C-alpha cells in the first residue's frame, strides 16, 4: 500500500490543479497496490475540496473512500503523543496534524512511499527518525 497525502486527493478531484495529470497517472500506476491514508488527511481533503472546488466534489471524495478507494486504519493509541513530538521537531516547516499522521502511519506500516504534492516537507520529514520518504507522485 502506498501512503496518500492530501495534495494527491485534491489534485485528483480538481481538474484545474497543476498536479491533476500526475495524480491521474499515479492512480493508474499504483491503484492495484492500494492506497492508505489517515483521518486527519481525509478531514483536510474534504474541507479543501469543498472550499476550492465544490461541496459536490467533497461528497464524491467521501463516497469514493467509503467504497474502498483507500484504506484508513485506526491510529495507534499513542498517535496524538507521537504527533506532538513530530510537530515540535518539524515546527520550522511547519508540520501539521495531517502530515504528522502520515509519518506515524509510515512508521506503523514500514512504508515510505508516498503520493504528495508537498515536495518540500516530505523531502525533510523522516519516518523512524532517519528514513526518508520516497515521493512517487513528483
N, C-alpha and C. Protein backbone atom coordinates (compact mmCIF):
# COMPACT_ATOMS: atom_id res chain seq x y z
N UNK A 1 0.84 -1.19 0.00
CA UNK A 1 0.00 0.00 0.00
C UNK A 1 0.88 1.25 0.00
N UNK A 2 0.40 2.24 -0.70
CA UNK A 2 1.13 3.49 -0.82
C UNK A 2 0.40 4.56 -0.02
N UNK A 3 1.15 5.33 0.77
CA UNK A 3 0.57 6.41 1.55
C UNK A 3 0.06 7.51 0.62
N UNK A 4 -1.09 8.07 0.93
CA UNK A 4 -1.69 9.12 0.11
C UNK A 4 -1.93 10.36 0.95
N UNK A 5 -1.28 11.45 0.57
CA UNK A 5 -1.39 12.73 1.25
C UNK A 5 -2.53 13.55 0.64
N UNK A 6 -2.89 14.60 1.30
CA UNK A 6 -3.99 15.46 0.88
C UNK A 6 -3.83 15.97 -0.55
N UNK A 7 -2.65 16.45 -0.89
CA UNK A 7 -2.44 17.03 -2.21
C UNK A 7 -2.75 16.08 -3.35
N UNK A 8 -2.46 14.80 -3.15
CA UNK A 8 -2.78 13.79 -4.16
C UNK A 8 -4.28 13.73 -4.40
N UNK A 9 -5.05 13.63 -3.31
CA UNK A 9 -6.50 13.53 -3.43
C UNK A 9 -7.10 14.81 -4.01
N UNK A 10 -6.60 15.95 -3.59
CA UNK A 10 -7.11 17.22 -4.09
C UNK A 10 -6.82 17.35 -5.59
N UNK A 11 -5.63 16.97 -6.00
CA UNK A 11 -5.28 17.03 -7.42
C UNK A 11 -6.18 16.10 -8.24
N UNK A 12 -6.50 14.93 -7.70
CA UNK A 12 -7.42 14.02 -8.40
C UNK A 12 -8.79 14.65 -8.57
N UNK A 13 -9.25 15.35 -7.56
CA UNK A 13 -10.61 15.89 -7.56
C UNK A 13 -10.75 17.25 -8.19
N UNK A 14 -9.66 17.85 -8.65
CA UNK A 14 -9.70 19.20 -9.20
C UNK A 14 -8.96 19.23 -10.53
N UNK A 15 -9.68 19.22 -11.61
CA UNK A 15 -9.06 19.20 -12.94
C UNK A 15 -8.21 20.43 -13.23
N UNK A 16 -8.43 21.49 -12.49
CA UNK A 16 -7.62 22.71 -12.68
C UNK A 16 -6.32 22.69 -11.88
N UNK A 17 -6.17 21.71 -11.01
CA UNK A 17 -4.95 21.60 -10.20
C UNK A 17 -3.76 21.28 -11.09
N UNK A 18 -2.63 21.93 -10.86
CA UNK A 18 -1.45 21.72 -11.72
C UNK A 18 -0.89 20.30 -11.62
N UNK A 19 -1.26 19.56 -10.60
CA UNK A 19 -0.80 18.19 -10.43
C UNK A 19 -1.85 17.15 -10.84
N UNK A 20 -2.95 17.61 -11.44
CA UNK A 20 -4.04 16.70 -11.78
C UNK A 20 -3.57 15.56 -12.69
N UNK A 21 -2.84 15.86 -13.74
CA UNK A 21 -2.38 14.81 -14.67
C UNK A 21 -1.47 13.82 -13.97
N UNK A 22 -0.56 14.31 -13.13
CA UNK A 22 0.35 13.42 -12.40
C UNK A 22 -0.43 12.54 -11.43
N UNK A 23 -1.45 13.10 -10.77
CA UNK A 23 -2.26 12.32 -9.84
C UNK A 23 -3.05 11.24 -10.58
N UNK A 24 -3.59 11.58 -11.74
CA UNK A 24 -4.33 10.58 -12.54
C UNK A 24 -3.39 9.46 -13.00
N UNK A 25 -2.18 9.83 -13.41
CA UNK A 25 -1.20 8.82 -13.84
C UNK A 25 -0.80 7.93 -12.66
N UNK A 26 -0.62 8.52 -11.48
CA UNK A 26 -0.27 7.74 -10.29
C UNK A 26 -1.41 6.81 -9.90
N UNK A 27 -2.64 7.26 -10.05
CA UNK A 27 -3.79 6.40 -9.76
C UNK A 27 -3.77 5.16 -10.66
N UNK A 28 -3.47 5.36 -11.93
CA UNK A 28 -3.39 4.23 -12.86
C UNK A 28 -2.20 3.32 -12.53
N UNK A 29 -1.08 3.93 -12.22
CA UNK A 29 0.15 3.17 -11.99
C UNK A 29 0.12 2.39 -10.69
N UNK A 30 -0.39 2.99 -9.62
CA UNK A 30 -0.30 2.38 -8.30
C UNK A 30 -1.62 1.89 -7.74
N UNK A 31 -2.70 2.09 -8.45
CA UNK A 31 -4.02 1.71 -7.95
C UNK A 31 -4.13 0.25 -7.56
N UNK A 32 -3.45 -0.62 -8.28
CA UNK A 32 -3.54 -2.05 -7.97
C UNK A 32 -2.87 -2.40 -6.63
N UNK A 33 -1.94 -1.57 -6.17
CA UNK A 33 -1.29 -1.79 -4.87
C UNK A 33 -2.18 -1.35 -3.72
N UNK A 34 -3.02 -0.39 -3.99
CA UNK A 34 -3.90 0.16 -2.97
C UNK A 34 -3.28 1.37 -2.29
N UNK A 35 -4.15 2.17 -1.72
CA UNK A 35 -3.74 3.40 -1.04
C UNK A 35 -4.15 3.34 0.41
N UNK A 36 -3.40 4.02 1.24
CA UNK A 36 -3.69 4.09 2.67
C UNK A 36 -3.47 5.53 3.11
N UNK A 37 -4.33 5.99 4.01
CA UNK A 37 -4.21 7.36 4.50
C UNK A 37 -4.74 7.42 5.92
N UNK A 38 -5.04 8.64 6.38
CA UNK A 38 -5.43 8.84 7.77
C UNK A 38 -6.67 9.74 7.87
N UNK A 39 -7.33 9.69 9.02
CA UNK A 39 -8.49 10.56 9.24
C UNK A 39 -8.13 12.04 9.14
N UNK A 40 -7.01 12.52 9.69
CA UNK A 40 -6.69 13.93 9.51
C UNK A 40 -6.54 14.33 8.03
N UNK A 41 -5.98 13.43 7.22
CA UNK A 41 -5.87 13.73 5.79
C UNK A 41 -7.26 13.82 5.17
N UNK A 42 -8.14 12.88 5.49
CA UNK A 42 -9.50 12.92 4.94
C UNK A 42 -10.22 14.21 5.32
N UNK A 43 -10.05 14.63 6.54
CA UNK A 43 -10.68 15.87 7.00
C UNK A 43 -10.16 17.06 6.21
N UNK A 44 -8.85 17.12 6.03
CA UNK A 44 -8.23 18.22 5.29
C UNK A 44 -8.71 18.24 3.83
N UNK A 45 -8.72 17.08 3.20
CA UNK A 45 -9.14 17.00 1.80
C UNK A 45 -10.60 17.42 1.64
N UNK A 46 -11.46 16.91 2.48
CA UNK A 46 -12.88 17.25 2.39
C UNK A 46 -13.09 18.75 2.54
N UNK A 47 -12.42 19.34 3.50
CA UNK A 47 -12.53 20.79 3.71
C UNK A 47 -12.03 21.57 2.49
N UNK A 48 -10.85 21.20 1.98
CA UNK A 48 -10.28 21.95 0.87
C UNK A 48 -11.05 21.76 -0.44
N UNK A 49 -11.52 20.55 -0.69
CA UNK A 49 -12.33 20.35 -1.90
C UNK A 49 -13.62 21.17 -1.83
N UNK A 50 -14.27 21.18 -0.67
CA UNK A 50 -15.50 21.98 -0.53
C UNK A 50 -15.23 23.46 -0.71
N UNK A 51 -14.10 23.93 -0.19
CA UNK A 51 -13.77 25.36 -0.27
C UNK A 51 -13.25 25.78 -1.64
N UNK A 52 -12.48 24.92 -2.29
CA UNK A 52 -11.81 25.30 -3.54
C UNK A 52 -12.51 24.81 -4.80
N UNK A 53 -13.23 23.70 -4.70
CA UNK A 53 -13.86 23.12 -5.88
C UNK A 53 -15.38 23.19 -5.72
N UNK A 54 -15.94 22.30 -4.93
CA UNK A 54 -17.39 22.33 -4.67
C UNK A 54 -17.73 21.36 -3.55
N UNK A 55 -18.87 21.59 -2.96
CA UNK A 55 -19.37 20.65 -1.96
C UNK A 55 -19.64 19.29 -2.57
N UNK A 56 -20.10 19.29 -3.81
CA UNK A 56 -20.37 18.03 -4.51
C UNK A 56 -19.09 17.22 -4.68
N UNK A 57 -17.97 17.90 -4.97
CA UNK A 57 -16.70 17.19 -5.13
C UNK A 57 -16.22 16.62 -3.80
N UNK A 58 -16.46 17.34 -2.72
CA UNK A 58 -16.10 16.84 -1.39
C UNK A 58 -16.92 15.58 -1.06
N UNK A 59 -18.19 15.61 -1.39
CA UNK A 59 -19.05 14.44 -1.16
C UNK A 59 -18.61 13.27 -2.04
N UNK A 60 -18.26 13.54 -3.29
CA UNK A 60 -17.78 12.49 -4.19
C UNK A 60 -16.51 11.85 -3.63
N UNK A 61 -15.64 12.65 -3.05
CA UNK A 61 -14.42 12.13 -2.43
C UNK A 61 -14.77 11.18 -1.28
N UNK A 62 -15.65 11.62 -0.39
CA UNK A 62 -16.06 10.78 0.74
C UNK A 62 -16.72 9.50 0.23
N UNK A 63 -17.54 9.62 -0.81
CA UNK A 63 -18.18 8.43 -1.39
C UNK A 63 -17.13 7.44 -1.88
N UNK A 64 -16.10 7.93 -2.56
CA UNK A 64 -15.04 7.06 -3.08
C UNK A 64 -14.29 6.35 -1.96
N UNK A 65 -13.98 7.07 -0.92
CA UNK A 65 -13.29 6.46 0.22
C UNK A 65 -14.19 5.40 0.87
N UNK A 66 -15.47 5.72 1.02
CA UNK A 66 -16.41 4.77 1.62
C UNK A 66 -16.54 3.50 0.77
N UNK A 67 -16.36 3.63 -0.54
CA UNK A 67 -16.44 2.47 -1.44
C UNK A 67 -15.12 1.70 -1.51
N UNK A 68 -14.10 2.15 -0.78
CA UNK A 68 -12.86 1.38 -0.72
C UNK A 68 -11.71 1.91 -1.53
N UNK A 69 -11.76 3.17 -1.96
CA UNK A 69 -10.66 3.74 -2.74
C UNK A 69 -9.37 3.84 -1.94
N UNK A 70 -9.50 3.79 -0.62
CA UNK A 70 -8.34 3.96 0.25
C UNK A 70 -8.64 3.30 1.60
N UNK A 71 -7.64 2.68 2.16
CA UNK A 71 -7.76 2.11 3.50
C UNK A 71 -7.42 3.19 4.53
N UNK A 72 -8.21 3.24 5.59
CA UNK A 72 -7.97 4.20 6.67
C UNK A 72 -7.86 3.40 7.97
N UNK A 73 -6.65 3.01 8.34
CA UNK A 73 -6.51 2.22 9.58
C UNK A 73 -6.73 3.08 10.82
N UNK A 74 -7.12 2.44 11.89
CA UNK A 74 -7.22 3.14 13.16
C UNK A 74 -5.83 3.57 13.60
N UNK A 75 -5.72 4.76 14.18
CA UNK A 75 -4.40 5.21 14.65
C UNK A 75 -3.98 4.43 15.88
N UNK A 76 -2.68 4.33 16.12
CA UNK A 76 -2.22 3.68 17.35
C UNK A 76 -2.64 4.50 18.57
N UNK A 77 -2.68 3.85 19.70
CA UNK A 77 -3.13 4.50 20.93
C UNK A 77 -2.30 5.73 21.29
N UNK A 78 -1.03 5.72 20.95
CA UNK A 78 -0.15 6.84 21.30
C UNK A 78 0.02 7.84 20.15
N UNK A 79 -0.88 7.83 19.18
CA UNK A 79 -0.72 8.67 17.98
C UNK A 79 -0.66 10.16 18.31
N UNK A 80 -1.50 10.63 19.19
CA UNK A 80 -1.50 12.06 19.50
C UNK A 80 -0.20 12.48 20.18
N UNK A 81 0.29 11.66 21.11
CA UNK A 81 1.56 11.97 21.76
C UNK A 81 2.70 11.97 20.74
N UNK A 82 2.70 11.01 19.83
CA UNK A 82 3.73 10.94 18.79
C UNK A 82 3.61 12.13 17.85
N UNK A 83 2.39 12.51 17.48
CA UNK A 83 2.18 13.66 16.61
C UNK A 83 2.73 14.93 17.26
N UNK A 84 2.52 15.06 18.54
CA UNK A 84 3.03 16.23 19.27
C UNK A 84 4.56 16.31 19.17
N UNK A 85 5.23 15.18 19.36
CA UNK A 85 6.69 15.13 19.26
C UNK A 85 7.14 15.52 17.85
N UNK A 86 6.48 14.93 16.85
CA UNK A 86 6.85 15.21 15.46
C UNK A 86 6.60 16.67 15.09
N UNK A 87 5.45 17.20 15.48
CA UNK A 87 5.12 18.59 15.14
C UNK A 87 6.10 19.55 15.81
N UNK A 88 6.55 19.21 16.99
CA UNK A 88 7.57 20.04 17.65
C UNK A 88 8.91 19.94 16.90
N UNK A 89 9.30 18.73 16.52
CA UNK A 89 10.56 18.52 15.81
C UNK A 89 10.59 19.29 14.49
N UNK A 90 9.49 19.26 13.77
CA UNK A 90 9.43 19.87 12.43
C UNK A 90 8.69 21.20 12.42
N UNK A 91 8.68 21.91 13.54
CA UNK A 91 7.91 23.14 13.65
C UNK A 91 8.38 24.23 12.69
N UNK A 92 9.62 24.17 12.22
CA UNK A 92 10.12 25.18 11.29
C UNK A 92 9.58 25.02 9.88
N UNK A 93 9.02 23.84 9.55
CA UNK A 93 8.50 23.66 8.19
C UNK A 93 7.16 24.37 7.97
N UNK A 94 6.19 24.47 8.79
CA UNK A 94 5.85 23.66 9.94
C UNK A 94 5.11 22.38 9.53
N UNK A 95 5.02 21.45 10.46
CA UNK A 95 4.29 20.21 10.23
C UNK A 95 2.89 20.35 10.82
N UNK A 96 1.87 19.98 10.03
CA UNK A 96 0.51 19.98 10.55
C UNK A 96 0.13 18.57 11.00
N UNK A 97 -1.07 18.44 11.57
CA UNK A 97 -1.50 17.15 12.10
C UNK A 97 -1.64 16.11 11.00
N UNK A 98 -2.12 16.51 9.82
CA UNK A 98 -2.26 15.56 8.71
C UNK A 98 -0.90 14.97 8.33
N UNK A 99 0.11 15.81 8.20
CA UNK A 99 1.45 15.31 7.87
C UNK A 99 2.00 14.43 8.98
N UNK A 100 1.82 14.84 10.22
CA UNK A 100 2.29 14.03 11.35
C UNK A 100 1.62 12.65 11.33
N UNK A 101 0.34 12.62 11.00
CA UNK A 101 -0.36 11.34 10.97
C UNK A 101 0.19 10.42 9.89
N UNK A 102 0.66 11.00 8.79
CA UNK A 102 1.25 10.18 7.73
C UNK A 102 2.63 9.65 8.12
N UNK A 103 3.40 10.44 8.86
CA UNK A 103 4.68 9.94 9.36
C UNK A 103 4.44 8.77 10.32
N UNK A 104 3.47 8.92 11.19
CA UNK A 104 3.12 7.84 12.13
C UNK A 104 2.66 6.60 11.37
N UNK A 105 1.85 6.78 10.34
CA UNK A 105 1.38 5.66 9.53
C UNK A 105 2.55 4.98 8.83
N UNK A 106 3.48 5.75 8.28
CA UNK A 106 4.66 5.18 7.64
C UNK A 106 5.44 4.31 8.63
N UNK A 107 5.58 4.80 9.85
CA UNK A 107 6.30 4.04 10.87
C UNK A 107 5.58 2.75 11.21
N UNK A 108 4.26 2.81 11.32
CA UNK A 108 3.48 1.62 11.67
C UNK A 108 3.50 0.59 10.55
N UNK A 109 3.46 1.05 9.31
CA UNK A 109 3.40 0.13 8.16
C UNK A 109 4.76 -0.23 7.59
N UNK A 110 5.80 0.46 8.07
CA UNK A 110 7.16 0.27 7.49
C UNK A 110 7.12 0.56 5.99
N UNK A 111 6.46 1.65 5.63
CA UNK A 111 6.29 2.02 4.22
C UNK A 111 6.59 3.51 4.05
N UNK A 112 7.56 3.83 3.19
CA UNK A 112 7.94 5.21 2.98
C UNK A 112 7.55 5.79 1.63
N UNK A 113 6.88 5.00 0.79
CA UNK A 113 6.42 5.55 -0.48
C UNK A 113 5.16 6.37 -0.23
N UNK A 114 5.13 7.56 -0.81
CA UNK A 114 4.01 8.46 -0.58
C UNK A 114 3.65 9.18 -1.87
N UNK A 115 2.38 9.50 -2.01
CA UNK A 115 1.87 10.34 -3.09
C UNK A 115 1.55 11.68 -2.47
N UNK A 116 2.35 12.69 -2.78
CA UNK A 116 2.17 14.00 -2.17
C UNK A 116 2.59 15.10 -3.14
N UNK A 117 1.86 16.20 -3.13
CA UNK A 117 2.27 17.38 -3.89
C UNK A 117 3.16 18.28 -3.03
N UNK A 118 3.33 17.91 -1.78
CA UNK A 118 4.10 18.69 -0.81
C UNK A 118 5.55 18.21 -0.80
N UNK A 119 6.26 18.54 -1.86
CA UNK A 119 7.61 18.03 -2.05
C UNK A 119 8.58 18.51 -0.97
N UNK A 120 8.54 19.78 -0.63
CA UNK A 120 9.48 20.34 0.33
C UNK A 120 9.39 19.63 1.68
N UNK A 121 8.18 19.53 2.20
CA UNK A 121 8.03 18.94 3.53
C UNK A 121 8.39 17.47 3.55
N UNK A 122 7.89 16.70 2.59
CA UNK A 122 8.15 15.26 2.63
C UNK A 122 9.58 14.91 2.20
N UNK A 123 10.32 15.87 1.67
CA UNK A 123 11.77 15.65 1.49
C UNK A 123 12.49 15.83 2.81
N UNK A 124 11.92 16.62 3.72
CA UNK A 124 12.54 16.88 5.00
C UNK A 124 12.14 15.92 6.11
N UNK A 125 10.90 15.46 6.08
CA UNK A 125 10.43 14.55 7.13
C UNK A 125 11.16 13.21 7.06
N UNK A 126 11.32 12.60 8.22
CA UNK A 126 11.90 11.26 8.31
C UNK A 126 10.98 10.39 9.15
N UNK A 127 10.75 9.17 8.70
CA UNK A 127 9.99 8.23 9.49
C UNK A 127 10.98 7.32 10.19
N UNK A 128 10.63 6.92 11.38
CA UNK A 128 11.55 6.19 12.26
C UNK A 128 12.83 7.00 12.45
N UNK A 129 12.68 8.32 12.45
CA UNK A 129 13.72 9.32 12.72
C UNK A 129 14.79 9.45 11.65
N UNK A 130 15.02 8.43 10.84
CA UNK A 130 16.13 8.51 9.87
C UNK A 130 15.75 8.16 8.44
N UNK A 131 14.61 7.53 8.23
CA UNK A 131 14.27 7.04 6.90
C UNK A 131 13.54 8.10 6.08
N UNK A 132 14.05 8.42 4.91
CA UNK A 132 13.39 9.42 4.07
C UNK A 132 12.16 8.84 3.35
N UNK A 133 11.26 9.73 3.01
CA UNK A 133 10.11 9.33 2.19
C UNK A 133 10.53 9.27 0.73
N UNK A 134 9.85 8.44 -0.03
CA UNK A 134 10.03 8.36 -1.48
C UNK A 134 8.72 8.84 -2.09
N UNK A 135 8.72 10.09 -2.56
CA UNK A 135 7.51 10.67 -3.14
C UNK A 135 7.38 10.18 -4.57
N UNK A 136 6.47 9.25 -4.79
CA UNK A 136 6.33 8.64 -6.12
C UNK A 136 5.36 9.42 -7.01
N UNK A 137 4.86 10.56 -6.53
CA UNK A 137 3.98 11.40 -7.35
C UNK A 137 4.78 12.39 -8.16
N UNK A 138 5.75 13.05 -7.53
CA UNK A 138 6.51 14.11 -8.22
C UNK A 138 7.89 13.64 -8.64
